[in-house]
């Protein structure tokens, strides 16, 4: 392994089984000056992915009227024809992660047998959670449980021999208790083990092949056991280009949700019109704030914002628990986990589903969205996880965030359902998705304050996603260098905002969802192959002695 140029990646501590290659990180890069700014970019990955995204923005903004129906049709076709593939892949990722926890491979330590963590548990968990689920939890925390509950309560609808309702599984017509349990189980299914398993596997692969094997921190490195030196050629270029494009469109989808909900909240509180202009202005302002965080760097920018946002989110969660149906939330937490475990086999079945609107319109889209996010979240988690054992890493990345997601959905969704069932409050039941959170808070004390906090959460999650996303995209486009010049991250952060604006103007959320599914499809295939390669890589890594693995780490 060459040690002349490690691209800013910390070298291993203790024993590792490094890959012997003559490739030096950044050797295919082009270094140049553009005015006062220095650039250090991979000549093919940066050029092709950057040009593809620029072309997409231009075409979308030029042909706005034509692209909207195209995006809607594309999303519908993909989720209805490839739902079995997305669901099957999601199941594979969960099984592999659970197996890694209980096998001896779990003792492998990221960064070498003597490596120690770079961040405390509090800082580490705050960063990975904010990157992985931020905007989505605020947007869907009330709206998804209520949507599944109402669909299940209304029962199955058959028209011309075809089921047309959106209820999960067999619904629960007229039974509020059963509909609530099924609605919460269907929600947790989308936010717990499956998405975090996707993130964990890719993050683990990136971390092992970078910090242990000595390869660049890019997607291509994971595939070395399968493709060997070919990963430095077009095989690797294509993998990294797919990762950049998937990340940009996955982020744009989340930014679209964030802008939609922030605009809805501003309209609810201050009467600001909910127009495309409002959402575009929001994206511009928040992208500008994200640029400031980008310039501040990982520790001063992303880490600090993530910790602040986690604190604010925890306060809002605590408020809902205390002011809402407290005992129902606590008992519902365990009941909902039970309902989730009872229903997960049926919810995970990829073939022969009768609840096609739920399995295709919700689950298949979610899996594609999580997978399109996975290069971004995976690389970000990999960068901040050096020093953790594989077992510790998977348990923390999967089980702890999943538990928090269950608590969040139980508190927010459970409160909204309780308002409908016990108080007869129907505003949340009837509201549009982005408005459901604010309608739930509307009948609780301090409505203006809590609603404003909800908007602030969306905005700051927006900033941390754009900031850390640009950091990740830039690392891939810089050939794996984690110390590339800051102006490159500024470029990618700006482009994330431009893509979000283009999608918003060219078809709204339907366009953003279509592109997330479109990029998620080929990347699902990439992830399945990467899983095989990761296992091969872990099998030849030295493991600390069992006793050493039990030491406490900060």
Protein backbone atom coordinates (compact mmCIF):
# COMPACT_ATOMS: atom_id res chain seq x y z
CA UNK A 1 0.00 0.00 0.00
CA UNK A 2 1.35 3.40 -0.89
CA UNK A 3 1.82 5.77 2.01
CA UNK A 4 2.96 8.85 0.12
CA UNK A 5 -0.45 10.44 -0.24
CA UNK A 6 -3.36 9.44 1.93
CA UNK A 7 -5.75 12.23 0.92
CA UNK A 8 -6.24 13.42 4.48
CA UNK A 9 -7.42 9.99 5.72
CA UNK A 10 -5.98 9.00 9.10
CA UNK A 11 -3.75 5.95 8.96
CA UNK A 12 -4.61 2.70 10.81
CA UNK A 13 -3.76 2.12 14.47
CA UNK A 14 -2.78 -1.47 15.18
CA UNK A 15 -3.13 -4.41 12.81
CA UNK A 16 -5.02 -4.25 9.52
CA UNK A 17 -4.93 -6.24 6.32
CA UNK A 18 -4.28 -3.41 3.89
CA UNK A 19 -4.74 -3.87 0.17
CA UNK A 20 -1.49 -3.79 -1.80
CA UNK A 21 -2.00 -1.40 -4.69
CA UNK A 22 0.17 1.15 -6.43
CA UNK A 23 -2.77 3.54 -6.70
CA UNK A 24 -2.31 6.78 -4.79
CA UNK A 25 -5.33 8.71 -3.57
CA UNK A 26 -5.89 11.62 -5.91
CA UNK A 27 -3.47 10.47 -8.62
CA UNK A 28 -6.13 10.94 -11.34
CA UNK A 29 -7.08 14.36 -10.03
CA UNK A 30 -6.66 17.65 -11.79
CA UNK A 31 -5.36 20.48 -9.62
CA UNK A 32 -5.90 23.98 -10.94
CA UNK A 33 -6.51 27.57 -9.93
CA UNK A 34 -9.71 29.43 -10.80
CA UNK A 35 -9.00 32.99 -9.78
CA UNK A 36 -8.10 32.94 -6.08
CA UNK A 37 -9.67 29.52 -5.58
CA UNK A 38 -7.85 26.21 -5.78
CA UNK A 39 -9.52 23.05 -7.10
CA UNK A 40 -8.50 19.40 -6.77
CA UNK A 41 -11.01 17.25 -8.69
CA UNK A 42 -11.19 13.78 -10.23
CA UNK A 43 -11.01 14.49 -13.93
CA UNK A 44 -13.78 12.11 -15.07
CA UNK A 45 -16.11 11.76 -12.07
CA UNK A 46 -16.38 15.48 -11.45
CA UNK A 47 -16.74 16.42 -15.11
CA UNK A 48 -19.34 13.82 -16.09
CA UNK A 49 -21.51 14.02 -12.96
CA UNK A 50 -21.32 17.82 -12.90
CA UNK A 51 -22.25 18.16 -16.57
CA UNK A 52 -25.10 15.64 -16.22
CA UNK A 53 -26.60 17.61 -13.33
CA UNK A 54 -26.17 20.95 -15.12
CA UNK A 55 -27.89 19.52 -18.21
CA UNK A 56 -30.74 18.18 -16.08
CA UNK A 57 -31.31 21.59 -14.44
CA UNK A 58 -31.31 23.38 -17.81
CA UNK A 59 -33.70 20.92 -19.48
CA UNK A 60 -36.07 20.85 -16.50
CA UNK A 61 -36.30 24.62 -16.24
CA UNK A 62 -36.62 25.05 -20.02
CA UNK A 63 -39.40 22.50 -20.52
CA UNK A 64 -41.34 22.90 -17.27
CA UNK A 65 -44.77 22.08 -18.69
CA UNK A 66 -43.61 18.97 -20.49
CA UNK A 67 -41.50 17.43 -17.71
CA UNK A 68 -44.18 17.44 -14.99
CA UNK A 69 -46.36 14.66 -16.50
CA UNK A 70 -43.19 12.81 -17.52
CA UNK A 71 -41.91 12.76 -13.93
CA UNK A 72 -45.26 11.63 -12.54
CA UNK A 73 -45.52 8.81 -15.08
CA UNK A 74 -41.91 7.75 -14.52
CA UNK A 75 -42.38 7.44 -10.76
CA UNK A 76 -45.61 5.45 -11.17
CA UNK A 77 -44.04 3.04 -13.66
CA UNK A 78 -40.94 2.38 -11.57
CA UNK A 79 -42.70 1.72 -8.26
CA UNK A 80 -45.38 -0.46 -9.87
CA UNK A 81 -42.96 -2.59 -11.88
CA UNK A 82 -39.88 -2.71 -9.65
CA UNK A 83 -41.51 -2.82 -6.20
CA UNK A 84 -40.56 -6.50 -5.76
CA UNK A 85 -36.91 -5.67 -6.39
CA UNK A 86 -36.77 -2.80 -3.90
CA UNK A 87 -38.56 -4.80 -1.18
CA UNK A 88 -36.38 -7.88 -1.72
CA UNK A 89 -33.18 -5.83 -1.56
CA UNK A 90 -34.33 -4.14 1.65
CA UNK A 91 -34.85 -7.53 3.28
CA UNK A 92 -31.37 -8.68 2.23
CA UNK A 93 -29.74 -5.63 3.85
CA UNK A 94 -31.53 -6.21 7.18
CA UNK A 95 -30.60 -9.89 7.33
CA UNK A 96 -26.93 -9.20 6.54
CA UNK A 97 -26.68 -6.55 9.26
CA UNK A 98 -28.28 -8.77 11.91
CA UNK A 99 -25.95 -11.63 10.96
CA UNK A 100 -22.86 -9.40 11.24
CA UNK A 101 -23.86 -8.42 14.79
CA UNK A 102 -23.76 -12.01 16.06
CA UNK A 103 -20.78 -13.39 14.07
CA UNK A 104 -17.05 -13.05 14.92
CA UNK A 105 -16.80 -10.46 12.14
CA UNK A 106 -18.43 -8.08 14.61
CA UNK A 107 -15.10 -7.82 16.47
CA UNK A 108 -13.31 -6.16 13.55
CA UNK A 109 -12.47 -2.58 14.48
CA UNK A 110 -12.76 0.31 12.02
CA UNK A 111 -9.30 1.89 11.70
CA UNK A 112 -7.27 -1.01 13.05
CA UNK A 113 -7.17 -3.25 16.12
CA UNK A 114 -5.95 -0.39 18.36
CA UNK A 115 -8.08 2.42 16.92
CA UNK A 116 -10.12 4.58 19.31
CA UNK A 117 -13.22 6.66 18.48
CA UNK A 118 -12.77 10.20 17.17
CA UNK A 119 -16.06 11.43 18.67
CA UNK A 120 -18.00 10.86 21.88
CA UNK A 121 -21.19 8.82 21.73
CA UNK A 122 -23.32 11.96 22.08
CA UNK A 123 -21.64 13.80 19.21
CA UNK A 124 -21.45 10.69 17.03
CA UNK A 125 -25.11 9.73 17.42
CA UNK A 126 -26.27 13.32 16.91
CA UNK A 127 -24.40 13.60 13.61
CA UNK A 128 -25.51 10.27 12.15
CA UNK A 129 -29.12 10.78 13.22
CA UNK A 130 -29.37 14.34 11.89
CA UNK A 131 -27.86 13.28 8.58
CA UNK A 132 -30.00 10.17 8.22
CA UNK A 133 -33.53 11.16 9.12
CA UNK A 134 -33.81 14.84 9.94
CA UNK A 135 -36.30 16.50 7.61
CA UNK A 136 -38.20 13.26 7.03
CA UNK A 137 -39.09 12.77 10.70
CA UNK A 138 -40.45 16.29 11.02
CA UNK A 139 -42.43 16.01 7.77
CA UNK A 140 -43.79 12.48 8.27
CA UNK A 141 -43.91 12.25 12.09
CA UNK A 142 -47.60 13.14 12.17
CA UNK A 143 -48.64 12.75 8.56
CA UNK A 144 -47.61 9.14 7.92
CA UNK A 145 -49.12 7.46 11.01
CA UNK A 146 -52.34 9.43 10.48
CA UNK A 147 -52.41 8.56 6.76
CA UNK A 148 -52.04 4.83 7.39
CA UNK A 149 -54.48 4.96 10.30
CA UNK A 150 -57.17 6.71 8.27
CA UNK A 151 -56.68 4.40 5.28
CA UNK A 152 -56.86 1.31 7.49
CA UNK A 153 -59.92 2.64 9.32
CA UNK A 154 -61.76 3.23 6.04
CA UNK A 155 -61.17 -0.38 5.04
CA UNK A 156 -60.63 -2.09 1.70
CA UNK A 157 -62.11 -0.56 -1.45
CA UNK A 158 -62.60 -2.61 -4.61
CA UNK A 159 -63.43 -0.97 -7.95
CA UNK A 160 -63.86 -3.06 -11.10
CA UNK A 161 -62.17 -5.96 -9.36
CA UNK A 162 -59.10 -3.87 -8.42
CA UNK A 163 -58.20 -2.76 -4.92
CA UNK A 164 -57.94 1.05 -4.88
CA UNK A 165 -57.50 1.94 -1.19
CA UNK A 166 -54.15 2.89 0.36
CA UNK A 167 -54.45 0.81 3.53
CA UNK A 168 -51.57 -1.49 4.52
CA UNK A 169 -52.18 -5.24 4.43
CA UNK A 170 -55.85 -6.11 4.99
CA UNK A 171 -56.85 -2.80 6.64
CA UNK A 172 -58.99 -2.63 9.83
CA UNK A 173 -62.35 -1.25 8.74
CA UNK A 174 -64.20 0.56 11.54
CA UNK A 175 -61.85 -0.69 14.30
CA UNK A 176 -59.94 2.32 15.67
CA UNK A 177 -57.68 0.24 17.95
CA UNK A 178 -56.66 -2.20 15.21
CA UNK A 179 -56.31 0.62 12.66
CA UNK A 180 -54.04 2.52 15.04
CA UNK A 181 -51.82 -0.53 15.66
CA UNK A 182 -51.62 -1.32 11.94
CA UNK A 183 -50.98 2.33 11.01
CA UNK A 184 -48.13 2.64 13.50
CA UNK A 185 -46.62 -0.71 12.46
CA UNK A 186 -46.74 0.31 8.79
CA UNK A 187 -45.04 3.61 9.67
CA UNK A 188 -42.30 2.10 11.83
CA UNK A 189 -41.59 -0.40 9.07
CA UNK A 190 -40.50 2.53 6.88
CA UNK A 191 -38.33 4.22 9.52
CA UNK A 192 -36.63 1.52 11.57
CA UNK A 193 -34.53 -1.54 10.68
CA UNK A 194 -34.75 -1.41 6.87
CA UNK A 195 -33.54 2.13 6.12
CA UNK A 196 -30.88 2.09 8.81
CA UNK A 197 -29.60 -1.28 7.56
CA UNK A 198 -29.13 0.28 4.12
CA UNK A 199 -27.13 3.13 5.64
CA UNK A 200 -25.14 0.86 7.96
CA UNK A 201 -23.94 -1.55 5.28
CA UNK A 202 -22.74 1.13 2.91
CA UNK A 203 -21.16 3.17 5.71
CA UNK A 204 -19.38 0.10 7.05
CA UNK A 205 -18.04 -0.78 3.61
CA UNK A 206 -16.72 2.73 3.05
CA UNK A 207 -15.13 2.85 6.50
CA UNK A 208 -13.44 -0.57 6.30
CA UNK A 209 -12.01 -0.10 2.82
CA UNK A 210 -10.79 3.38 3.62
CA UNK A 211 -9.57 3.25 7.23
CA UNK A 212 -8.45 -0.41 7.23
CA UNK A 213 -7.65 -1.25 3.64
CA UNK A 214 -6.00 2.08 2.80
CA UNK A 215 -8.15 2.87 -0.26
CA UNK A 216 -9.77 6.21 -1.14
CA UNK A 217 -12.98 7.14 0.66
CA UNK A 218 -15.15 6.61 -2.43
CA UNK A 219 -17.77 4.10 -3.49
CA UNK A 220 -15.46 2.31 -5.90
CA UNK A 221 -13.14 1.18 -3.09
CA UNK A 222 -15.72 -1.23 -1.66
CA UNK A 223 -15.60 -3.24 -4.90
CA UNK A 224 -11.86 -4.01 -4.83
CA UNK A 225 -12.30 -7.65 -3.68
CA UNK A 226 -14.52 -8.28 -6.72
CA UNK A 227 -12.97 -6.13 -9.46
CA UNK A 228 -9.39 -5.62 -8.29
CA UNK A 229 -7.38 -2.92 -10.04
CA UNK A 230 -10.23 -2.32 -12.51
CA UNK A 231 -11.88 -0.07 -9.95
CA UNK A 232 -9.35 2.64 -10.86
CA UNK A 233 -10.70 2.62 -14.44
CA UNK A 234 -14.16 3.06 -15.94
CA UNK A 235 -15.69 0.40 -13.69
CA UNK A 236 -14.93 2.60 -10.72
CA UNK A 237 -15.74 5.84 -12.55
CA UNK A 238 -19.27 4.63 -13.31
CA UNK A 239 -19.83 3.55 -9.70
CA UNK A 240 -18.72 6.93 -8.34
CA UNK A 241 -20.70 8.90 -10.95
CA UNK A 242 -23.83 6.94 -10.01
CA UNK A 243 -23.12 7.70 -6.35
CA UNK A 244 -22.82 11.45 -6.99
CA UNK A 245 -25.99 11.64 -9.09
CA UNK A 246 -27.99 9.45 -6.68
CA UNK A 247 -26.88 11.57 -3.73
CA UNK A 248 -27.81 14.84 -5.41
CA UNK A 249 -31.31 13.69 -6.31
CA UNK A 250 -31.87 11.93 -2.99
CA UNK A 251 -30.97 15.15 -1.21
CA UNK A 252 -33.12 17.21 -3.57
CA UNK A 253 -36.14 15.07 -2.65
CA UNK A 254 -35.63 15.75 1.04
CA UNK A 255 -35.02 19.44 0.42
CA UNK A 256 -38.27 19.52 -1.54
CA UNK A 257 -40.14 18.04 1.43
CA UNK A 258 -38.45 20.51 3.74
CA UNK A 259 -39.30 23.54 1.60
CA UNK A 260 -42.89 22.35 1.26
CA UNK A 261 -43.37 21.96 5.01
CA UNK A 262 -41.54 25.18 5.91
CA UNK A 263 -43.71 27.11 3.43
CA UNK A 264 -46.83 25.46 4.88
CA UNK A 265 -45.77 26.40 8.39
CA UNK A 266 -45.10 30.02 7.43
CA UNK A 267 -48.52 30.16 5.81
CA UNK A 268 -50.12 28.64 8.91
CA UNK A 269 -48.40 31.05 11.33
CA UNK A 270 -48.01 34.26 9.36
CA UNK A 271 -50.28 33.93 6.33
CA UNK A 272 -47.37 33.97 3.87
CA UNK A 273 -48.70 32.68 0.51
CA UNK A 274 -47.84 29.06 -0.29
CA UNK A 275 -46.52 29.63 -3.78
CA UNK A 276 -43.64 28.27 -5.82
CA UNK A 277 -41.91 31.60 -5.27
CA UNK A 278 -42.08 31.16 -1.50
CA UNK A 279 -40.54 27.70 -1.71
CA UNK A 280 -37.81 28.83 -4.10
CA UNK A 281 -36.92 31.75 -1.81
CA UNK A 282 -36.77 29.35 1.13
CA UNK A 283 -34.43 27.01 -0.76
CA UNK A 284 -32.19 29.95 -1.72
CA UNK A 285 -32.02 31.30 1.84
CA UNK A 286 -31.37 27.91 3.41
CA UNK A 287 -28.76 27.00 0.80
CA UNK A 288 -26.97 30.26 1.63
CA UNK A 289 -27.00 29.32 5.32
CA UNK A 290 -25.70 25.87 4.41
CA UNK A 291 -22.83 27.50 2.51
CA UNK A 292 -21.82 29.31 5.69
CA UNK A 293 -21.77 25.98 7.52
CA UNK A 294 -19.73 24.42 4.69
CA UNK A 295 -17.06 27.09 5.05
CA UNK A 296 -17.00 26.53 8.84
CA UNK A 297 -16.01 22.87 8.36
CA UNK A 298 -17.09 19.50 9.78
CA UNK A 299 -16.44 20.08 13.49
CA UNK A 300 -17.47 23.72 13.67
CA UNK A 301 -20.32 23.49 11.15
CA UNK A 302 -22.07 20.13 10.75
CA UNK A 303 -21.24 18.74 14.21
CA UNK A 304 -22.33 21.86 16.10
CA UNK A 305 -25.53 22.32 14.07
CA UNK A 306 -26.39 18.62 14.44
CA UNK A 307 -26.02 18.76 18.21
CA UNK A 308 -28.10 21.96 18.45
CA UNK A 309 -30.82 20.49 16.27
CA UNK A 310 -30.92 17.25 18.23
CA UNK A 311 -31.38 19.32 21.38
CA UNK A 312 -34.23 21.31 19.85
CA UNK A 313 -35.86 18.15 18.47
CA UNK A 314 -35.58 16.50 21.90
CA UNK A 315 -37.29 19.50 23.52
CA UNK A 316 -40.16 19.39 21.03
CA UNK A 317 -40.49 15.64 21.55
CA UNK A 318 -40.51 16.10 25.33
CA UNK A 319 -43.16 18.82 25.02
CA UNK A 320 -45.47 16.56 23.00
CA UNK A 321 -44.97 13.69 25.45
CA UNK A 322 -45.67 15.84 28.52
CA UNK A 323 -48.55 17.91 27.12
CA UNK A 324 -50.04 15.16 24.96
CA UNK A 325 -51.50 11.82 26.11
CA UNK A 326 -48.43 10.94 28.19
CA UNK A 327 -49.44 7.49 29.42
CA UNK A 328 -50.82 6.53 26.01
CA UNK A 329 -47.49 7.49 24.45
CA UNK A 330 -45.45 5.42 26.91
CA UNK A 331 -47.68 2.36 26.65
CA UNK A 332 -48.05 2.91 22.90
CA UNK A 333 -44.26 2.83 22.49
CA UNK A 334 -44.09 -0.82 23.56
CA UNK A 335 -47.38 -1.72 21.90
CA UNK A 336 -46.22 -0.22 18.62
CA UNK A 337 -42.94 -2.15 18.74
CA UNK A 338 -45.00 -5.29 19.30
CA UNK A 339 -47.31 -4.43 16.40
CA UNK A 340 -44.28 -3.74 14.20
CA UNK A 341 -42.65 -7.09 15.04
CA UNK A 342 -45.95 -8.90 14.50
CA UNK A 343 -46.59 -7.29 11.11
CA UNK A 344 -43.07 -7.02 9.69
CA UNK A 345 -43.13 -10.47 8.01
CA UNK A 346 -46.29 -9.58 6.08
CA UNK A 347 -45.15 -6.01 5.36
CA UNK A 348 -41.83 -7.31 4.00
CA UNK A 349 -43.30 -9.78 1.49
CA UNK A 350 -42.20 -8.59 -1.99
CA UNK A 351 -44.59 -10.68 -4.11
CA UNK A 352 -48.33 -11.24 -4.41
CA UNK A 353 -49.34 -8.16 -2.43
CA UNK A 354 -52.97 -7.05 -2.51
CA UNK A 355 -52.20 -3.70 -0.82
CA UNK A 356 -50.40 -2.46 -3.92
CA UNK A 357 -50.96 1.24 -3.26
CA UNK A 358 -49.23 0.91 0.10
CA UNK A 359 -46.45 -1.47 -0.99
CA UNK A 360 -45.73 0.44 -4.20
CA UNK A 361 -46.75 4.01 -3.43
CA UNK A 362 -45.19 4.06 0.03
CA UNK A 363 -42.70 1.22 0.60
CA UNK A 364 -41.10 0.92 -2.85
CA UNK A 365 -40.70 4.69 -3.03
CA UNK A 366 -39.21 4.82 0.48
CA UNK A 367 -36.67 2.08 -0.22
CA UNK A 368 -35.58 3.82 -3.45
CA UNK A 369 -35.36 7.13 -1.57
CA UNK A 370 -33.29 5.65 1.28
CA UNK A 371 -31.00 3.95 -1.23
CA UNK A 372 -30.50 7.16 -3.21
CA UNK A 373 -29.60 8.82 0.11
CA UNK A 374 -27.25 6.01 1.11
CA UNK A 375 -24.02 7.30 -0.52
CA UNK A 376 -24.51 10.60 1.30
CA UNK A 377 -25.50 9.18 4.69
CA UNK A 378 -23.18 6.19 4.38
CA UNK A 379 -20.07 8.21 3.64
CA UNK A 380 -20.90 10.78 6.27
CA UNK A 381 -21.37 8.07 8.92
CA UNK A 382 -18.17 6.37 7.75
CA UNK A 383 -16.17 9.57 8.19
CA UNK A 384 -17.24 10.01 11.80
CA UNK A 385 -17.15 6.34 12.89
CA UNK A 386 -13.45 5.50 12.98
CA UNK A 387 -12.51 3.51 16.08
CA UNK A 388 -15.82 1.65 16.50
CA UNK A 389 -16.06 -2.12 16.27
CA UNK A 390 -18.30 -3.57 13.56
CA UNK A 391 -20.71 -4.89 16.21
CA UNK A 392 -20.82 -1.59 18.08
CA UNK A 393 -21.19 0.28 14.80
CA UNK A 394 -24.15 -1.77 13.52
CA UNK A 395 -25.95 -1.84 16.87
CA UNK A 396 -25.64 1.93 17.26
CA UNK A 397 -26.38 2.81 13.63
CA UNK A 398 -29.41 0.50 13.40
CA UNK A 399 -30.98 -0.15 16.78
CA UNK A 400 -30.56 3.19 18.57
CA UNK A 401 -31.89 5.43 15.75
CA UNK A 402 -34.66 2.89 15.08
CA UNK A 403 -35.71 3.12 18.73
CA UNK A 404 -35.72 6.91 18.59
CA UNK A 405 -37.78 6.80 15.38
CA UNK A 406 -40.35 4.55 17.10
CA UNK A 407 -40.57 6.98 20.03
CA UNK A 408 -40.88 9.99 17.70
CA UNK A 409 -43.59 8.41 15.56
CA UNK A 410 -45.43 7.17 18.65
CA UNK A 411 -45.39 10.61 20.28
CA UNK A 412 -46.35 12.68 17.25
CA UNK A 413 -48.45 10.20 15.28
CA UNK A 414 -49.97 8.65 18.39
CA UNK A 415 -50.98 12.07 19.72
CA UNK A 416 -52.68 12.96 16.43
CA UNK A 417 -54.54 9.63 16.36
CA UNK A 418 -55.58 10.12 20.01
CA UNK A 419 -56.92 13.58 19.18
CA UNK A 420 -59.11 12.04 16.51
CA UNK A 421 -60.26 8.93 18.42
CA UNK A 422 -60.69 10.38 21.93
CA UNK A 423 -61.39 14.07 21.29
CA UNK A 424 -63.17 13.94 17.95
CA UNK A 425 -60.64 16.41 16.51
CA UNK A 426 -60.66 15.89 12.74
CA UNK A 427 -58.40 18.70 11.46
CA UNK A 428 -55.29 16.50 11.33
CA UNK A 429 -57.29 13.66 9.78
CA UNK A 430 -58.42 15.91 6.91
CA UNK A 431 -55.32 18.10 6.43
CA UNK A 432 -52.79 17.83 3.60
CA UNK A 433 -49.53 16.03 4.44
CA UNK A 434 -47.30 19.11 5.04
CA UNK A 435 -49.97 20.70 7.29
CA UNK A 436 -50.70 17.75 9.59
CA UNK A 437 -47.92 18.57 12.09
CA UNK A 438 -49.13 22.14 12.54
CA UNK A 439 -52.77 21.08 12.88
CA UNK A 440 -51.78 18.61 15.61
CA UNK A 441 -49.91 21.35 17.49
CA UNK A 442 -52.79 23.80 16.96
CA UNK A 443 -54.90 22.33 19.81
CA UNK A 444 -51.97 22.12 22.24
CA UNK A 445 -50.59 24.93 24.43
CA UNK A 446 -48.01 27.38 23.02
CA UNK A 447 -49.11 26.69 19.43
CA UNK A 448 -47.23 29.61 17.90
CA UNK A 449 -44.00 28.72 19.68
CA UNK A 450 -44.09 25.00 18.97
CA UNK A 451 -45.07 25.54 15.34
CA UNK A 452 -42.18 27.97 14.95
CA UNK A 453 -39.87 25.39 16.53
CA UNK A 454 -41.12 22.88 13.95
CA UNK A 455 -40.21 25.26 11.13
CA UNK A 456 -36.79 25.93 12.67
CA UNK A 457 -36.17 22.18 12.91
CA UNK A 458 -36.96 21.74 9.23
CA UNK A 459 -34.68 24.64 8.31
CA UNK A 460 -31.70 23.46 10.39
CA UNK A 461 -32.12 19.84 9.27
CA UNK A 462 -32.19 21.28 5.76
CA UNK A 463 -28.89 23.05 6.43
CA UNK A 464 -27.13 20.03 7.95
CA UNK A 465 -28.31 17.80 5.09
CA UNK A 466 -27.11 20.23 2.42
CA UNK A 467 -23.85 20.85 4.28
CA UNK A 468 -22.90 17.24 4.96
CA UNK A 469 -24.24 16.22 1.55
CA UNK A 470 -21.89 18.62 -0.21
CA UNK A 471 -19.03 17.30 1.92
CA UNK A 472 -19.77 13.74 0.81
CA UNK A 473 -20.33 14.52 -2.88
CA UNK A 474 -17.12 16.52 -2.96
CA UNK A 475 -15.14 13.64 -1.43
CA UNK A 476 -16.36 11.29 -4.18
CA UNK A 477 -15.78 13.87 -6.93
CA UNK A 478 -12.29 14.57 -5.56
CA UNK A 479 -11.18 10.95 -5.96
CA UNK A 480 -11.54 10.13 -2.26
CA UNK A 481 -9.71 13.10 -0.80
CA UNK A 482 -11.31 14.29 2.42
CA UNK A 483 -9.13 17.40 2.57
CA UNK A 484 -10.10 18.83 -0.85
CA UNK A 485 -10.37 22.64 -1.16
CA UNK A 486 -13.45 24.25 0.39
CA UNK A 487 -14.61 25.98 -2.87
CA UNK A 488 -15.48 22.54 -4.26
CA UNK A 489 -17.93 21.93 -1.41
CA UNK A 490 -19.36 25.38 -2.04
CA UNK A 491 -19.94 24.36 -5.67
CA UNK A 492 -21.79 21.16 -4.76
CA UNK A 493 -23.83 22.81 -2.02
CA UNK A 494 -24.96 25.43 -4.52
CA UNK A 495 -25.89 22.75 -7.04
CA UNK A 496 -27.96 20.84 -4.49
CA UNK A 497 -30.07 23.98 -4.09
CA UNK A 498 -30.34 24.46 -7.85
CA UNK A 499 -31.49 20.87 -8.41
CA UNK A 500 -34.08 21.22 -5.65
CA UNK A 501 -35.37 24.44 -7.28
CA UNK A 502 -35.45 22.82 -10.74
CA UNK A 503 -37.42 19.86 -9.43
CA UNK A 504 -39.79 22.11 -7.50
CA UNK A 505 -40.52 24.23 -10.57
CA UNK A 506 -40.60 21.25 -12.94
CA UNK A 507 -43.15 19.12 -11.15
CA UNK A 508 -42.95 19.70 -7.40
CA UNK A 509 -42.60 16.74 -5.06
CA UNK A 510 -43.68 14.30 -7.79
CA UNK A 511 -40.61 15.29 -9.81
CA UNK A 512 -38.31 14.98 -6.81
CA UNK A 513 -39.75 11.57 -5.96
CA UNK A 514 -39.40 10.39 -9.55
CA UNK A 515 -35.71 11.27 -9.68
CA UNK A 516 -35.07 9.65 -6.28
CA UNK A 517 -36.64 6.40 -7.51
CA UNK A 518 -34.87 6.62 -10.88
CA UNK A 519 -31.42 6.99 -9.34
CA UNK A 520 -32.25 4.56 -6.54
CA UNK A 521 -32.91 1.68 -8.97
CA UNK A 522 -29.39 1.26 -10.42
CA UNK A 523 -27.86 2.08 -7.07
CA UNK A 524 -29.79 -0.77 -5.44
CA UNK A 525 -27.92 -3.13 -7.75
CA UNK A 526 -24.66 -1.43 -6.79
CA UNK A 527 -25.44 -1.89 -3.08
CA UNK A 528 -26.27 -5.58 -3.44
CA UNK A 529 -22.90 -6.21 -5.10
CA UNK A 530 -21.18 -4.00 -2.50
CA UNK A 531 -22.64 -6.17 0.27
CA UNK A 532 -20.91 -9.26 -1.12
CA UNK A 533 -17.65 -7.34 -1.43
CA UNK A 534 -17.91 -5.99 2.14
CA UNK A 535 -18.26 -9.49 3.59
CA UNK A 536 -15.20 -10.65 1.62
CA UNK A 537 -13.27 -7.65 2.93
CA UNK A 538 -14.27 -8.23 6.57
CA UNK A 539 -13.35 -11.91 6.49
CA UNK A 540 -9.63 -11.22 6.08
CA UNK A 541 -9.41 -8.36 8.61
CA UNK A 542 -7.57 -9.06 11.90
CA UNK A 543 -9.79 -8.90 14.98
CA UNK A 544 -8.86 -7.71 18.46
CA UNK A 545 -8.99 -10.36 21.16
CA UNK A 546 -12.46 -10.77 22.65
CA UNK A 547 -11.33 -9.29 25.98
CA UNK A 548 -10.00 -6.15 24.28
CA UNK A 549 -13.28 -5.78 22.42
CA UNK A 550 -15.12 -5.37 25.72
CA UNK A 551 -13.20 -2.26 26.79
CA UNK A 552 -15.25 0.88 27.13
CA UNK A 553 -14.66 3.56 24.56
CA UNK A 554 -15.56 7.18 24.78
